[in-house]
Amino acid sequence: MALLLGAFGLAGCSQGPARVEAQTGIVAPLTYIGQWGAKGSGPGQLDDPTCIATDSLGDIYLADDGSHFVHKFGPDGMPHLSFQDPALEAPQSIAIDSGGAIYVTDAARGTVTIYLPSGIRLRSLRGGLRVNAKNSLDVSVDDDGRIYVFDSELRRVYTYTSRFRLIREWQPAANVPNQRIRAAAMAGAPDGSLYFVDPEANRILHFDGDGHFLSEIEAGANGAGRKLSDQIAASSQFVFAMDDNGHMLHVWNTDGTLKTDSDLTPELGQSRRPAPPIAVSPRKEFLVLDTPEGRVLRYRINF
């Protein structure tokens, strides 16, 4: 386990949104705050980070497929903790429970590994999960400590108690008979709500923690040109999804009404790129993990 206390450079705030607000009095839905991150394969550095999450205090966690480090940073990007686990082969998804324990999925091993807040490995969950390096496993933990793991190849959800006992297996299915669901990724909200993005059908499906279908968000409703990727995040009030073009962010209220479409091109660049992993902080910040550049972009949420 390694601890790095060197400071990251925090970029200055973008002046574009500030000028618009001053001239028109209209506050943009998102305001770019800045960025942090250092490219590299050492403690506190980002080599090939694959996933991002935040805890209840707004601290930020990343897992790195290149260096096999798991990192914890403060909200401003100050490194707090870095540790390596030799057993971690291909980290894909990360989640934090209310006590600060860290959950990291690894499809190459078919596991969800749980670490204490100090970084010490506690145990691994394997029940029902298959070993497949080409698969994708997403993990979420709700406020009650229930653990949800989504296997995208099997399109199956495994629910565990806070004591790590497998209690339920189910498949996301809408309430339309004979409708095929091709969910590619899952995001969980603190209350246990689960959101599944189905890029092929260009929609997001909302379920409760027991697997009951609640609602559907159609990204292309009314002829809109939105095309969903597999990058999604959720808070208690909103659902965030990146467009397949890798630049546009779409946000809906949990009742399915559109909140905003925001273009992140000024910070991410104009070239076409895979949609970046995203997270939402309780500090009302939206976070974008720019893997190629080894950095995290910060936006203030103004709604």
Protein backbone atom coordinates (compact mmCIF):
# COMPACT_ATOMS: atom_id res chain seq x y z
CA MET A 1 0.00 0.00 0.00
CA ALA A 2 1.33 3.38 -0.89
CA LEU A 3 0.30 6.84 0.18
CA LEU A 4 1.09 9.88 -1.92
CA LEU A 5 0.66 13.39 -0.58
CA GLY A 6 1.97 15.37 -3.55
CA ALA A 7 -0.46 17.96 -4.84
CA PHE A 8 -2.02 17.79 -8.27
CA GLY A 9 -2.36 20.96 -10.33
CA LEU A 10 -5.92 22.26 -10.39
CA ALA A 11 -6.68 24.02 -13.61
CA GLY A 12 -8.23 27.45 -13.58
CA CYS A 13 -11.93 27.87 -14.06
CA SER A 14 -13.28 28.18 -17.56
CA GLN A 15 -14.06 31.77 -18.39
CA GLY A 16 -16.61 31.05 -21.13
CA PRO A 17 -19.59 30.15 -18.91
CA ALA A 18 -18.73 32.96 -16.50
CA ARG A 19 -18.92 35.57 -19.29
CA VAL A 20 -22.27 34.23 -20.48
CA GLU A 21 -23.71 34.38 -16.98
CA ALA A 22 -22.47 37.92 -16.45
CA GLN A 23 -23.90 39.17 -19.74
CA THR A 24 -27.25 37.42 -19.76
CA GLY A 25 -27.97 36.57 -16.13
CA ILE A 26 -28.66 32.96 -17.23
CA VAL A 27 -26.78 30.29 -15.29
CA ALA A 28 -25.64 27.38 -17.43
CA PRO A 29 -26.77 23.91 -16.23
CA LEU A 30 -23.12 22.92 -15.82
CA THR A 31 -20.17 25.20 -15.12
CA TYR A 32 -16.67 23.93 -15.78
CA ILE A 33 -14.60 24.27 -12.60
CA GLY A 34 -11.27 22.75 -13.59
CA GLN A 35 -9.33 19.53 -13.83
CA TRP A 36 -6.76 17.47 -11.98
CA GLY A 37 -4.66 14.42 -12.62
CA ALA A 38 -1.11 13.32 -13.33
CA LYS A 39 -0.32 10.82 -16.08
CA GLY A 40 1.81 7.92 -14.91
CA SER A 41 1.84 4.46 -13.36
CA GLY A 42 2.81 5.30 -9.79
CA PRO A 43 0.80 5.96 -6.62
CA GLY A 44 -1.65 8.80 -7.15
CA GLN A 45 -1.03 8.80 -10.92
CA LEU A 46 -3.39 7.75 -13.70
CA ASP A 47 -2.15 5.29 -16.32
CA ASP A 48 -5.27 3.66 -17.77
CA PRO A 49 -8.11 4.47 -15.33
CA THR A 50 -11.31 2.63 -16.17
CA CYS A 51 -13.90 3.69 -13.58
CA ILE A 52 -14.78 6.48 -11.16
CA ALA A 53 -17.03 6.82 -8.11
CA THR A 54 -17.56 9.14 -5.16
CA ASP A 55 -18.47 8.60 -1.52
CA SER A 56 -20.88 10.51 0.75
CA LEU A 57 -18.20 13.13 1.51
CA GLY A 58 -17.39 13.79 -2.12
CA ASP A 59 -14.05 11.96 -2.12
CA ILE A 60 -13.26 10.38 -5.47
CA TYR A 61 -12.15 6.80 -6.20
CA LEU A 62 -10.56 5.43 -9.36
CA ALA A 63 -9.40 1.97 -10.41
CA ASP A 64 -6.60 1.72 -12.98
CA ASP A 65 -6.33 -1.12 -15.48
CA GLY A 66 -2.81 -0.11 -16.45
CA SER A 67 -1.10 0.09 -13.05
CA HIS A 68 -3.64 -2.02 -11.08
CA PHE A 69 -3.76 0.73 -8.48
CA VAL A 70 -6.93 1.75 -6.68
CA HIS A 71 -6.81 5.43 -5.76
CA LYS A 72 -8.68 7.73 -3.40
CA PHE A 73 -8.56 11.49 -3.93
CA GLY A 74 -10.09 14.47 -2.17
CA PRO A 75 -12.72 16.51 -4.05
CA ASP A 76 -10.00 18.86 -5.31
CA GLY A 77 -7.80 16.02 -6.56
CA MET A 78 -5.43 15.76 -3.60
CA PRO A 79 -4.27 12.10 -3.34
CA HIS A 80 -5.29 10.42 -0.08
CA LEU A 81 -4.67 6.73 -0.68
CA SER A 82 -3.22 4.42 -3.33
CA PHE A 83 -2.88 0.66 -3.10
CA GLN A 84 -2.19 -2.22 -5.45
CA ASP A 85 -3.69 -5.69 -5.35
CA PRO A 86 -1.74 -8.32 -7.32
CA ALA A 87 -4.96 -10.31 -7.74
CA LEU A 88 -6.72 -7.44 -9.52
CA GLU A 89 -6.43 -8.10 -13.26
CA ALA A 90 -8.95 -5.92 -15.10
CA PRO A 91 -10.88 -3.48 -12.87
CA GLN A 92 -14.07 -2.27 -14.54
CA SER A 93 -16.44 -0.74 -12.01
CA ILE A 94 -16.03 0.78 -8.56
CA ALA A 95 -18.48 1.66 -5.78
CA ILE A 96 -18.22 2.89 -2.19
CA ASP A 97 -20.57 1.96 0.66
CA SER A 98 -21.72 4.24 3.49
CA GLY A 99 -18.89 3.01 5.70
CA GLY A 100 -16.17 3.77 3.16
CA ALA A 101 -15.51 0.20 1.99
CA ILE A 102 -14.42 -0.02 -1.66
CA TYR A 103 -15.93 -2.49 -4.16
CA VAL A 104 -14.11 -3.22 -7.43
CA THR A 105 -15.31 -5.60 -10.15
CA ASP A 106 -12.97 -7.73 -12.25
CA ALA A 107 -14.55 -9.71 -15.11
CA ALA A 108 -11.24 -11.41 -15.89
CA ARG A 109 -11.53 -13.12 -12.49
CA GLY A 110 -15.33 -13.06 -12.21
CA THR A 111 -15.20 -11.28 -8.86
CA VAL A 112 -16.17 -8.24 -6.87
CA THR A 113 -13.35 -7.53 -4.43
CA ILE A 114 -14.13 -5.59 -1.26
CA TYR A 115 -11.48 -3.49 0.46
CA LEU A 116 -11.58 -1.81 3.83
CA PRO A 117 -11.31 2.01 3.79
CA SER A 118 -7.59 1.54 4.50
CA GLY A 119 -7.16 -0.48 1.30
CA ILE A 120 -6.78 -3.86 3.00
CA ARG A 121 -8.56 -6.60 1.06
CA LEU A 122 -11.54 -7.94 3.02
CA ARG A 123 -12.98 -10.58 0.70
CA SER A 124 -14.22 -11.32 -2.82
CA LEU A 125 -17.72 -12.11 -4.05
CA ARG A 126 -17.93 -14.88 -6.63
CA GLY A 127 -21.41 -16.35 -6.32
CA GLY A 128 -23.03 -16.59 -9.74
CA LEU A 129 -20.37 -14.49 -11.51
CA ARG A 130 -18.58 -15.91 -14.54
CA VAL A 131 -14.95 -15.53 -15.57
CA ASN A 132 -14.89 -13.74 -18.93
CA ALA A 133 -12.36 -11.00 -19.70
CA LYS A 134 -14.58 -9.69 -22.53
CA ASN A 135 -17.54 -9.33 -20.23
CA SER A 136 -18.46 -6.27 -18.18
CA LEU A 137 -19.44 -6.24 -14.51
CA ASP A 138 -21.00 -3.17 -12.85
CA VAL A 139 -21.38 -2.78 -9.09
CA SER A 140 -23.53 -0.53 -6.91
CA VAL A 141 -24.14 -0.38 -3.15
CA ASP A 142 -27.20 1.36 -1.71
CA ASP A 143 -27.56 3.20 1.60
CA ASP A 144 -28.74 0.02 3.32
CA GLY A 145 -25.62 -1.86 2.27
CA ARG A 146 -27.24 -4.07 -0.35
CA ILE A 147 -24.85 -4.89 -3.18
CA TYR A 148 -25.95 -5.11 -6.81
CA VAL A 149 -23.74 -6.64 -9.50
CA PHE A 150 -24.77 -6.53 -13.15
CA ASP A 151 -23.35 -9.01 -15.67
CA SER A 152 -23.79 -7.38 -19.08
CA GLU A 153 -23.25 -10.58 -21.08
CA LEU A 154 -25.83 -12.58 -19.17
CA ARG A 155 -27.90 -9.39 -18.63
CA ARG A 156 -28.39 -10.56 -15.09
CA VAL A 157 -28.35 -8.79 -11.71
CA TYR A 158 -27.00 -10.47 -8.57
CA THR A 159 -28.15 -8.97 -5.28
CA TYR A 160 -26.20 -9.53 -2.07
CA THR A 161 -26.96 -8.53 1.50
CA SER A 162 -24.64 -6.26 3.46
CA ARG A 163 -23.20 -9.50 4.89
CA PHE A 164 -22.30 -10.65 1.37
CA ARG A 165 -24.97 -13.35 1.04
CA LEU A 166 -26.46 -13.82 -2.44
CA ILE A 167 -30.22 -13.42 -2.08
CA ARG A 168 -31.55 -12.78 -5.58
CA GLU A 169 -30.79 -13.18 -9.27
CA TRP A 170 -32.94 -11.43 -11.86
CA GLN A 171 -32.93 -10.04 -15.38
CA PRO A 172 -34.00 -6.47 -16.21
CA ALA A 173 -37.17 -6.63 -18.27
CA ALA A 174 -39.61 -3.89 -19.17
CA ASN A 175 -43.33 -4.33 -18.62
CA VAL A 176 -43.98 -4.78 -22.35
CA PRO A 177 -44.59 -8.50 -23.12
CA ASN A 178 -41.96 -10.21 -25.27
CA GLN A 179 -39.79 -7.11 -25.39
CA ARG A 180 -36.07 -7.91 -25.47
CA ILE A 181 -33.83 -5.87 -23.22
CA ARG A 182 -30.18 -5.45 -24.18
CA ALA A 183 -28.89 -3.54 -21.17
CA ALA A 184 -25.20 -2.69 -21.47
CA ALA A 185 -24.49 -1.00 -18.15
CA MET A 186 -26.02 -0.28 -14.74
CA ALA A 187 -25.92 2.69 -12.38
CA GLY A 188 -27.34 2.70 -8.88
CA ALA A 189 -28.82 5.54 -6.84
CA PRO A 190 -28.43 5.83 -3.04
CA ASP A 191 -32.05 4.75 -2.45
CA GLY A 192 -31.48 1.43 -4.23
CA SER A 193 -32.98 2.46 -7.55
CA LEU A 194 -31.19 0.91 -10.50
CA TYR A 195 -30.88 2.37 -13.99
CA PHE A 196 -29.92 0.27 -17.01
CA VAL A 197 -28.90 1.80 -20.31
CA ASP A 198 -29.92 -0.04 -23.47
CA PRO A 199 -27.97 1.69 -26.28
CA GLU A 200 -29.44 -0.53 -28.99
CA ALA A 201 -32.98 0.63 -28.14
CA ASN A 202 -31.68 4.10 -27.13
CA ARG A 203 -33.37 4.07 -23.74
CA ILE A 204 -32.81 3.90 -20.00
CA LEU A 205 -34.85 1.52 -17.83
CA HIS A 206 -35.56 2.24 -14.17
CA PHE A 207 -36.08 -0.56 -11.61
CA ASP A 208 -36.31 -0.73 -7.86
CA GLY A 209 -33.79 -2.78 -5.91
CA ASP A 210 -36.07 -5.82 -5.96
CA GLY A 211 -36.15 -5.91 -9.73
CA HIS A 212 -39.58 -4.32 -10.32
CA PHE A 213 -39.81 -2.20 -13.45
CA LEU A 214 -40.70 1.43 -12.68
CA SER A 215 -40.26 3.57 -15.79
CA GLU A 216 -38.49 4.13 -19.07
CA ILE A 217 -36.61 7.09 -20.54
CA GLU A 218 -36.57 7.27 -24.34
CA ALA A 219 -33.48 9.22 -25.36
CA GLY A 220 -34.72 9.80 -28.90
CA ALA A 221 -38.23 10.93 -27.95
CA ASN A 222 -39.81 13.58 -30.18
CA GLY A 223 -37.20 13.07 -32.86
CA ALA A 224 -34.26 14.19 -30.73
CA GLY A 225 -30.85 13.22 -32.07
CA ARG A 226 -29.55 11.73 -28.84
CA LYS A 227 -27.76 8.37 -29.09
CA LEU A 228 -26.87 6.75 -25.80
CA SER A 229 -23.53 5.15 -24.95
CA ASP A 230 -22.92 2.69 -22.12
CA GLN A 231 -21.73 5.40 -19.69
CA ILE A 232 -24.36 6.30 -17.09
CA ALA A 233 -24.55 7.66 -13.54
CA ALA A 234 -27.41 8.42 -11.15
CA SER A 235 -28.16 10.52 -8.09
CA SER A 236 -31.28 10.60 -5.94
CA GLN A 237 -32.82 13.19 -8.30
CA PHE A 238 -31.22 12.86 -11.73
CA VAL A 239 -29.96 10.38 -14.32
CA PHE A 240 -26.83 11.30 -16.28
CA ALA A 241 -25.84 9.61 -19.55
CA MET A 242 -23.11 10.29 -22.09
CA ASP A 243 -23.93 10.34 -25.77
CA ASP A 244 -22.36 7.82 -28.11
CA ASN A 245 -20.38 10.68 -29.70
CA GLY A 246 -18.36 10.94 -26.48
CA HIS A 247 -18.99 14.67 -25.99
CA MET A 248 -22.64 15.33 -25.20
CA LEU A 249 -24.11 14.81 -21.75
CA HIS A 250 -27.83 14.18 -21.32
CA VAL A 251 -29.56 14.60 -17.96
CA TRP A 252 -33.09 13.62 -16.99
CA ASN A 253 -35.11 14.01 -13.82
CA THR A 254 -35.93 10.66 -12.26
CA ASP A 255 -39.50 11.07 -13.56
CA GLY A 256 -38.11 10.97 -17.09
CA THR A 257 -38.38 14.65 -18.02
CA LEU A 258 -35.33 16.08 -19.76
CA LYS A 259 -33.24 18.43 -17.66
CA THR A 260 -30.44 19.38 -20.03
CA ASP A 261 -28.26 18.45 -22.98
CA SER A 262 -24.77 19.82 -22.38
CA ASP A 263 -21.85 19.84 -24.80
CA LEU A 264 -18.52 19.00 -23.13
CA THR A 265 -16.49 19.51 -26.32
CA PRO A 266 -14.67 22.63 -25.03
CA GLU A 267 -12.95 20.51 -22.39
CA LEU A 268 -12.84 17.07 -24.08
CA GLY A 269 -11.86 18.24 -27.54
CA GLN A 270 -13.62 17.92 -30.89
CA SER A 271 -12.31 14.59 -32.15
CA ARG A 272 -14.63 11.60 -31.88
CA ARG A 273 -13.83 9.48 -28.86
CA PRO A 274 -15.32 6.71 -26.72
CA ALA A 275 -17.77 8.03 -24.16
CA PRO A 276 -15.88 8.69 -20.90
CA PRO A 277 -16.80 7.19 -17.51
CA ILE A 278 -18.76 9.63 -15.34
CA ALA A 279 -19.80 10.11 -11.71
CA VAL A 280 -21.93 12.47 -9.62
CA SER A 281 -20.70 13.88 -6.33
CA PRO A 282 -22.95 14.81 -3.38
CA ARG A 283 -21.12 18.15 -3.49
CA LYS A 284 -23.22 18.91 -6.59
CA GLU A 285 -20.36 18.23 -8.95
CA PHE A 286 -20.37 16.22 -12.15
CA LEU A 287 -17.11 14.36 -12.85
CA VAL A 288 -15.72 13.08 -16.13
CA LEU A 289 -12.84 10.60 -16.28
CA ASP A 290 -10.76 11.46 -19.35
CA THR A 291 -8.84 8.19 -19.58
CA PRO A 292 -6.52 9.02 -22.53
CA GLU A 293 -5.30 12.21 -20.84
CA GLY A 294 -5.17 10.78 -17.32
CA ARG A 295 -7.31 13.51 -15.81
CA VAL A 296 -10.63 14.19 -14.11
CA LEU A 297 -12.81 17.09 -15.26
CA ARG A 298 -15.00 18.85 -12.69
CA TYR A 299 -18.27 20.64 -13.39
CA ARG A 300 -20.54 22.43 -10.94
CA ILE A 301 -24.17 21.30 -11.22
CA ASN A 302 -26.43 24.38 -11.20
CA PHE A 303 -29.78 22.64 -10.91
